[in-house]
Amino acid sequence: MDPFSKALDFTLNWEGRIVENVPDDPGGLTKWGITQRDYDLYRSMYGASSTSVADATPDEIRLIYYIRYWKAMDCDKLPYPVALAIFDCAVNVGVSQTAKFLTAILGIPLGSDWLQAAKIYSEKHSPETLAAMLNKRRSQFYKSLAVSRPVLRKFLPGWLNRVVAVNDAVFDGSTA
């Protein structure tokens, strides 16, 4: 299985099928983790009118994940363990926040070429080490989010379990 498909399978195991208006969840209506907003942006890229994300096809969901997260984070240019950690992080906290995590971990200014720095770091240490550092940063972020926005505390156990699963997949090579 190609790296994107492997990472997508992992991530989809953590995303709800169709989730409607969970109280306090800022995502709103989602299908397989794709929000209505992301679906509208995707459809507008192709000149299609807005429709409910509940009607999104599996091919559309896959393409959105590929464009908005996998390619946006250059996961295709990184070894799989790092690509999985970055992809799943970007899906869950956003591309911008993931880039902030990476620049902080790599000790480079925001807006710098984190991809090149990540490749160098992975060669010097290991791809797994970089993935573990990202997972640690991600866990810290979730904990601080739960403190700063108490209404989100109920999501913390699930978020942390997901990070543990990413870490397990990185270190044992599994996808679940």
Protein backbone atom coordinates (compact mmCIF):
# COMPACT_ATOMS: atom_id res chain seq x y z
CA MET A 1 0.00 0.00 0.00
CA ASP A 2 1.34 3.46 -0.85
CA PRO A 3 2.26 5.80 2.05
CA PHE A 4 -0.69 8.17 1.52
CA SER A 5 -3.24 5.34 1.50
CA LYS A 6 -1.64 3.84 4.59
CA ALA A 7 -1.74 7.18 6.45
CA LEU A 8 -5.28 7.90 5.28
CA ASP A 9 -6.49 4.51 6.51
CA PHE A 10 -4.93 5.23 9.89
CA THR A 11 -6.49 8.68 10.14
CA LEU A 12 -9.93 7.59 8.96
CA ASN A 13 -10.00 5.08 11.81
CA TRP A 14 -10.01 8.08 14.15
CA GLU A 15 -12.44 10.30 12.29
CA GLY A 16 -16.19 9.99 12.72
CA ARG A 17 -18.26 8.80 9.81
CA ILE A 18 -20.89 11.54 9.85
CA VAL A 19 -20.82 13.74 12.91
CA GLU A 20 -23.56 16.29 13.32
CA ASN A 21 -23.27 19.22 15.66
CA VAL A 22 -21.57 17.65 18.66
CA PRO A 23 -21.97 20.22 21.44
CA ASP A 24 -18.80 22.30 21.89
CA ASP A 25 -17.07 20.74 18.86
CA PRO A 26 -15.96 23.68 16.71
CA GLY A 27 -15.88 21.48 13.58
CA GLY A 28 -19.66 21.33 13.17
CA LEU A 29 -21.05 18.87 10.64
CA THR A 30 -18.29 16.58 9.35
CA LYS A 31 -18.00 13.44 7.25
CA TRP A 32 -14.92 11.30 7.81
CA GLY A 33 -13.31 14.33 9.46
CA ILE A 34 -13.96 16.72 6.58
CA THR A 35 -15.85 19.80 7.73
CA GLN A 36 -18.54 21.54 5.76
CA ARG A 37 -16.15 24.47 5.34
CA ASP A 38 -13.41 22.26 3.82
CA TYR A 39 -15.93 20.57 1.56
CA ASP A 40 -17.26 23.93 0.33
CA LEU A 41 -13.69 25.09 -0.41
CA TYR A 42 -12.97 21.89 -2.31
CA ARG A 43 -16.16 22.18 -4.39
CA SER A 44 -15.51 25.84 -5.16
CA MET A 45 -12.03 24.92 -6.49
CA TYR A 46 -13.81 22.90 -9.17
CA GLY A 47 -16.58 25.42 -9.82
CA ALA A 48 -19.20 23.22 -8.16
CA SER A 49 -21.99 24.62 -6.03
CA SER A 50 -22.17 24.10 -2.30
CA THR A 51 -23.90 20.99 -1.02
CA SER A 52 -23.93 19.17 2.29
CA VAL A 53 -20.71 17.44 3.28
CA ALA A 54 -22.92 14.49 4.21
CA ASP A 55 -23.23 13.93 0.42
CA ALA A 56 -19.45 13.82 -0.15
CA THR A 57 -18.26 10.73 -2.00
CA PRO A 58 -15.34 8.57 -0.81
CA ASP A 59 -13.30 9.82 -3.79
CA GLU A 60 -13.95 13.44 -2.83
CA ILE A 61 -13.00 12.76 0.80
CA ARG A 62 -9.77 11.08 -0.33
CA LEU A 63 -8.88 13.95 -2.67
CA ILE A 64 -9.54 16.57 0.00
CA TYR A 65 -7.25 14.76 2.42
CA TYR A 66 -4.61 14.43 -0.27
CA ILE A 67 -4.67 18.09 -1.34
CA ARG A 68 -5.39 19.91 1.93
CA TYR A 69 -3.19 17.84 4.24
CA TRP A 70 -0.85 15.30 2.57
CA LYS A 71 0.41 17.57 -0.23
CA ALA A 72 0.05 20.78 1.78
CA MET A 73 2.48 19.35 4.36
CA ASP A 74 4.79 17.79 1.72
CA CYS A 75 4.28 14.37 3.28
CA ASP A 76 5.16 12.73 -0.03
CA LYS A 77 8.72 14.06 0.39
CA LEU A 78 9.32 12.54 3.82
CA PRO A 79 9.90 9.03 5.19
CA TYR A 80 6.68 7.30 6.18
CA PRO A 81 6.91 7.47 9.96
CA VAL A 82 7.31 11.25 9.86
CA ALA A 83 4.76 11.59 7.05
CA LEU A 84 2.13 9.73 9.09
CA ALA A 85 2.74 11.85 12.21
CA ILE A 86 2.67 15.12 10.25
CA PHE A 87 -0.37 14.17 8.19
CA ASP A 88 -2.47 13.05 11.15
CA CYS A 89 -1.42 16.10 13.15
CA ALA A 90 -2.35 18.45 10.28
CA VAL A 91 -5.74 16.77 9.95
CA ASN A 92 -6.47 17.15 13.64
CA VAL A 93 -4.99 20.57 14.50
CA GLY A 94 -4.55 22.15 11.08
CA VAL A 95 -1.72 22.71 8.63
CA SER A 96 -0.71 26.06 10.13
CA GLN A 97 -0.47 24.74 13.70
CA THR A 98 1.47 21.68 12.54
CA ALA A 99 3.97 23.93 10.74
CA LYS A 100 4.37 25.94 13.97
CA PHE A 101 5.07 22.73 15.89
CA LEU A 102 7.67 21.65 13.34
CA THR A 103 9.50 24.97 13.21
CA ALA A 104 9.66 25.04 17.02
CA ILE A 105 10.95 21.45 17.19
CA LEU A 106 13.53 22.09 14.48
CA GLY A 107 14.63 25.41 16.01
CA ILE A 108 14.00 27.45 12.88
CA PRO A 109 11.99 30.64 12.38
CA LEU A 110 8.33 30.33 11.41
CA GLY A 111 8.07 30.58 7.65
CA SER A 112 11.44 28.87 7.13
CA ASP A 113 11.85 25.79 4.96
CA TRP A 114 10.86 23.29 7.62
CA LEU A 115 10.82 20.48 5.04
CA GLN A 116 14.56 20.74 4.39
CA ALA A 117 15.23 21.07 8.12
CA ALA A 118 13.05 18.00 8.79
CA LYS A 119 14.99 15.95 6.24
CA ILE A 120 18.30 16.95 7.82
CA TYR A 121 16.98 16.26 11.33
CA SER A 122 15.62 12.86 10.27
CA GLU A 123 18.97 11.90 8.74
CA LYS A 124 20.93 13.06 11.78
CA HIS A 125 18.63 11.48 14.39
CA SER A 126 15.91 9.34 12.82
CA PRO A 127 12.50 9.85 11.23
CA GLU A 128 10.96 8.17 14.28
CA THR A 129 12.63 10.66 16.62
CA LEU A 130 11.17 13.60 14.73
CA ALA A 131 7.74 11.95 14.72
CA ALA A 132 7.98 11.35 18.49
CA MET A 133 8.92 15.00 19.06
CA LEU A 134 5.92 16.09 17.02
CA ASN A 135 3.65 13.74 18.98
CA LYS A 136 4.98 15.16 22.26
CA ARG A 137 4.34 18.73 21.07
CA ARG A 138 0.88 17.74 19.92
CA SER A 139 0.03 16.23 23.33
CA GLN A 140 1.22 19.39 25.08
CA PHE A 141 -0.94 21.47 22.75
CA TYR A 142 -4.05 19.43 23.51
CA LYS A 143 -3.45 19.69 27.25
CA SER A 144 -2.99 23.46 27.07
CA LEU A 145 -6.09 23.74 24.90
CA ALA A 146 -8.12 21.84 27.48
CA VAL A 147 -6.89 24.24 30.18
CA SER A 148 -7.48 27.42 28.18
CA ARG A 149 -10.86 26.29 26.83
CA PRO A 150 -12.45 24.11 29.54
CA VAL A 151 -15.43 23.31 27.32
CA LEU A 152 -13.03 21.20 25.21
CA ARG A 153 -11.76 19.07 28.13
CA LYS A 154 -14.15 16.27 27.26
CA PHE A 155 -12.22 15.73 24.01
CA LEU A 156 -8.80 15.46 25.71
CA PRO A 157 -8.80 11.69 26.37
CA GLY A 158 -9.65 10.96 22.73
CA TRP A 159 -7.02 13.39 21.44
CA LEU A 160 -4.34 11.87 23.66
CA ASN A 161 -5.34 8.31 22.75
CA ARG A 162 -4.98 9.26 19.09
CA VAL A 163 -1.45 10.61 19.68
CA VAL A 164 -0.52 7.38 21.46
CA ALA A 165 -1.85 5.41 18.47
CA VAL A 166 0.21 7.55 16.07
CA ASN A 167 3.28 6.97 18.20
CA ASP A 168 2.63 3.22 18.30
CA ALA A 169 2.20 3.15 14.50
CA VAL A 170 5.44 5.10 14.02
CA PHE A 171 7.45 2.75 16.19
CA ASP A 172 5.95 -0.60 15.26
CA GLY A 173 5.05 0.14 11.66
CA SER A 174 1.36 -0.65 12.03
CA THR A 175 -1.45 1.46 10.65
CA ALA A 176 -4.05 0.99 13.38
